[in-house]
Amino acid sequence: SRPPLVLASASPRRRSLLEQIGYAPDVVEPAALDEAVLPGEQPEAHAARLAQAKASAVSARHPGAFILGADTVVACGRRILDKAETEESARRCLALLSGRRHRVYGGVTVIDPEGRAVSRLVRTAVTFKRLSEEEMAAYLAGGEWRGKAGGYAIQGRAAAFVRFVGGSYTNVVGLPVHETYQLLVGLGLPPRPPGAGDS
């Protein structure tokens, strides 16, 4: 029988991206981790470390399962932008991204039922238009920035601000779908056939 797939994340975006490609998770169990940036830690290293840590933290509770951990980091230069939790923090992020190119780093780790772990790090470049005060205020009033890395959701209204995406679009949404598919298939977990219980 097919081993279960456990998503070590509370993100509804990651879950729906997995469902889209035939990998509806059997269990969703977020890893409760300290996601603070270590002193001197670069954005790529931070994304990779957290993806691995999330998968490892959850794997002990699910022997015999495939575990998927992922993390998304938005960075302007070497500066990591936090997940926006207040309107003020979202405003600071948008002001920094306005008219500039930034990078989104997606770390993905899959642990198979035998305990083997494989990881990928995916980089996407994103360029924002220069935002007016009115655009920023209207976007902030909508609230979709809440809890988002870098203070925006590319699959939401912020799509209107994006002049250029270089690389994986789904990485910016929250999970690099192609690379995740390659990892799962490579470890022996094919997608479910269409109509086989995927919503």
Protein backbone atom coordinates (compact mmCIF):
# COMPACT_ATOMS: atom_id res chain seq x y z
CA SER A 1 0.00 0.00 0.00
CA ARG A 2 1.05 3.59 -0.60
CA PRO A 3 2.96 5.20 2.30
CA PRO A 4 1.27 8.36 3.62
CA LEU A 5 2.53 11.83 2.70
CA VAL A 6 2.87 14.24 5.63
CA LEU A 7 3.11 17.97 4.97
CA ALA A 8 5.13 19.62 7.75
CA SER A 9 3.54 23.03 7.16
CA ALA A 10 0.36 24.91 8.02
CA SER A 11 0.43 26.82 4.70
CA PRO A 12 -2.82 26.43 2.74
CA ARG A 13 -0.90 27.53 -0.38
CA ARG A 14 1.59 24.66 -0.10
CA ARG A 15 -1.23 22.22 0.45
CA SER A 16 -3.18 23.37 -2.61
CA LEU A 17 -0.05 23.35 -4.81
CA LEU A 18 0.60 19.73 -3.77
CA GLU A 19 -3.04 18.81 -4.46
CA GLN A 20 -2.77 20.43 -7.90
CA ILE A 21 -0.07 17.94 -8.97
CA GLY A 22 -1.61 14.81 -7.45
CA TYR A 23 0.02 14.84 -4.02
CA ALA A 24 -2.81 15.73 -1.62
CA PRO A 25 -1.19 15.27 1.82
CA ASP A 26 -2.62 12.50 3.99
CA VAL A 27 -1.62 14.42 7.12
CA VAL A 28 -0.88 18.12 7.67
CA GLU A 29 1.27 18.63 10.75
CA PRO A 30 3.12 21.92 11.14
CA ALA A 31 6.49 21.79 12.88
CA ALA A 32 6.58 24.19 15.82
CA LEU A 33 10.04 25.66 15.34
CA ASP A 34 11.94 28.79 16.23
CA GLU A 35 12.32 30.34 12.77
CA ALA A 36 14.71 33.09 13.89
CA VAL A 37 17.62 33.86 11.58
CA LEU A 38 20.99 32.73 12.98
CA PRO A 39 23.73 35.38 13.28
CA GLY A 40 25.36 35.83 9.87
CA GLU A 41 23.00 33.35 8.18
CA GLN A 42 22.48 34.03 4.46
CA PRO A 43 18.95 33.86 2.96
CA GLU A 44 19.67 30.65 0.98
CA ALA A 45 21.10 28.88 4.03
CA HIS A 46 18.15 30.01 6.17
CA ALA A 47 15.57 28.60 3.73
CA ALA A 48 17.46 25.30 3.36
CA ARG A 49 17.99 24.90 7.13
CA LEU A 50 14.35 25.54 8.03
CA ALA A 51 13.00 23.16 5.37
CA GLN A 52 15.26 20.41 6.71
CA ALA A 53 14.43 21.23 10.34
CA LYS A 54 10.67 21.17 9.70
CA ALA A 55 10.84 17.78 7.97
CA SER A 56 13.11 16.32 10.68
CA ALA A 57 10.95 17.60 13.54
CA VAL A 58 7.82 15.92 12.14
CA SER A 59 9.41 12.70 10.80
CA ALA A 60 9.98 11.16 14.24
CA ARG A 61 6.20 11.11 14.84
CA HIS A 62 5.40 9.45 11.49
CA PRO A 63 7.53 6.36 10.90
CA GLY A 64 7.00 4.77 7.49
CA ALA A 65 5.75 8.00 5.89
CA PHE A 66 7.07 10.49 3.36
CA ILE A 67 7.61 13.85 5.08
CA LEU A 68 7.76 17.14 3.17
CA GLY A 69 9.20 20.27 4.78
CA ALA A 70 9.41 23.61 2.99
CA ASP A 71 10.39 27.18 3.73
CA THR A 72 10.15 30.39 1.72
CA VAL A 73 12.49 33.34 2.29
CA VAL A 74 12.16 36.74 0.61
CA ALA A 75 15.41 38.70 0.51
CA CYS A 76 16.42 42.14 -0.70
CA GLY A 77 20.17 41.81 -1.19
CA ARG A 78 21.32 39.87 1.86
CA ARG A 79 18.54 41.23 4.03
CA ILE A 80 15.87 38.67 4.92
CA LEU A 81 12.37 40.15 5.03
CA ASP A 82 10.19 38.82 7.83
CA LYS A 83 6.73 37.36 7.52
CA ALA A 84 4.59 40.47 7.91
CA GLU A 85 2.47 40.26 11.07
CA THR A 86 1.57 43.97 11.42
CA GLU A 87 0.55 46.58 8.87
CA GLU A 88 3.67 48.57 9.75
CA SER A 89 5.97 45.61 9.01
CA ALA A 90 4.12 44.98 5.72
CA ARG A 91 4.53 48.66 4.78
CA ARG A 92 8.29 48.47 5.45
CA CYS A 93 8.56 45.39 3.22
CA LEU A 94 6.61 46.98 0.36
CA ALA A 95 8.65 50.20 0.58
CA LEU A 96 11.82 48.14 0.30
CA LEU A 97 10.55 46.06 -2.64
CA SER A 98 9.04 48.99 -4.55
CA GLY A 99 10.80 49.55 -7.90
CA ARG A 100 13.45 46.92 -7.17
CA ARG A 101 14.38 43.33 -7.88
CA HIS A 102 14.41 40.90 -4.97
CA ARG A 103 14.93 37.16 -4.62
CA VAL A 104 12.73 34.42 -3.24
CA TYR A 105 14.48 31.30 -1.93
CA GLY A 106 12.49 28.11 -1.53
CA GLY A 107 13.94 25.26 0.49
CA VAL A 108 12.34 21.82 0.14
CA THR A 109 13.28 18.65 2.02
CA VAL A 110 11.65 15.24 1.62
CA ILE A 111 12.36 12.37 4.02
CA ASP A 112 11.37 8.92 2.76
CA PRO A 113 10.02 5.99 4.84
CA GLU A 114 13.60 4.63 5.27
CA GLY A 115 14.77 7.96 6.69
CA ARG A 116 16.70 9.16 3.62
CA ALA A 117 16.51 12.93 3.22
CA VAL A 118 16.87 14.82 -0.06
CA SER A 119 16.74 18.59 -0.44
CA ARG A 120 16.53 21.26 -3.11
CA LEU A 121 17.00 25.02 -2.97
CA VAL A 122 15.21 27.07 -5.62
CA ARG A 123 15.88 30.74 -6.41
CA THR A 124 13.41 33.06 -8.14
CA ALA A 125 14.01 36.71 -9.06
CA VAL A 126 11.02 39.07 -8.79
CA THR A 127 10.87 42.73 -9.84
CA PHE A 128 8.21 45.09 -8.48
CA LYS A 129 7.01 48.25 -10.18
CA ARG A 130 7.51 51.48 -8.28
CA LEU A 131 4.54 51.67 -5.91
CA SER A 132 2.63 54.90 -5.28
CA GLU A 133 1.43 55.78 -1.78
CA GLU A 134 -2.14 55.09 -2.96
CA GLU A 135 -1.25 51.62 -4.25
CA MET A 136 0.56 50.76 -1.05
CA ALA A 137 -2.30 52.01 1.14
CA ALA A 138 -4.93 50.12 -0.87
CA TYR A 139 -2.89 46.91 -0.75
CA LEU A 140 -2.31 47.19 3.00
CA ALA A 141 -6.03 47.82 3.60
CA GLY A 142 -6.86 44.50 1.92
CA GLY A 143 -4.93 42.48 4.51
CA GLU A 144 -3.72 39.67 2.24
CA TRP A 145 -0.11 40.50 3.30
CA ARG A 146 -0.70 39.06 6.76
CA GLY A 147 1.69 36.20 7.55
CA LYS A 148 3.33 36.39 4.10
CA ALA A 149 7.09 36.41 3.64
CA GLY A 150 8.02 39.85 2.32
CA GLY A 151 4.54 41.20 3.04
CA TYR A 152 2.87 40.23 -0.25
CA ALA A 153 1.01 37.41 -2.02
CA ILE A 154 1.97 37.07 -5.69
CA GLN A 155 -1.12 34.91 -6.31
CA GLY A 156 -3.32 37.71 -4.94
CA ARG A 157 -3.61 41.42 -5.67
CA ALA A 158 0.15 41.94 -5.52
CA ALA A 159 0.31 40.26 -8.94
CA ALA A 160 -0.49 43.71 -10.36
CA PHE A 161 2.83 45.04 -8.99
CA VAL A 162 5.06 42.32 -10.46
CA ARG A 163 6.88 43.43 -13.62
CA PHE A 164 9.12 40.37 -13.95
CA VAL A 165 9.51 36.85 -12.57
CA GLY A 166 12.68 34.93 -13.40
CA GLY A 167 12.47 31.26 -12.42
CA SER A 168 9.79 29.26 -10.63
CA TYR A 169 6.54 31.19 -10.11
CA THR A 170 5.15 28.56 -7.71
CA ASN A 171 8.27 29.01 -5.57
CA VAL A 172 7.09 32.57 -4.89
CA VAL A 173 3.60 31.28 -4.02
CA GLY A 174 5.15 28.94 -1.43
CA LEU A 175 6.40 25.70 -3.01
CA PRO A 176 8.53 25.09 -6.13
CA VAL A 177 6.19 22.53 -7.70
CA HIS A 178 8.46 21.10 -10.42
CA GLU A 179 11.40 20.51 -8.05
CA THR A 180 9.10 19.05 -5.37
CA TYR A 181 7.60 16.65 -7.94
CA GLN A 182 11.13 15.56 -9.00
CA LEU A 183 12.11 14.88 -5.38
CA LEU A 184 8.98 12.81 -4.63
CA VAL A 185 9.14 10.78 -7.84
CA GLY A 186 12.89 10.25 -7.35
CA LEU A 187 12.23 8.78 -3.90
CA GLY A 188 9.59 6.42 -5.29
CA LEU A 189 6.33 8.25 -4.58
CA PRO A 190 4.41 8.81 -7.84
CA PRO A 191 1.45 11.22 -7.95
CA ARG A 192 -2.01 9.77 -7.47
CA PRO A 193 -3.87 9.24 -10.74
CA PRO A 194 -6.53 11.89 -11.51
CA GLY A 195 -9.76 11.19 -9.67
CA ALA A 196 -8.07 8.94 -7.06
CA GLY A 197 -9.24 10.86 -4.03
CA ASP A 198 -7.59 14.18 -4.83
CA SER A 199 -9.88 17.14 -4.33
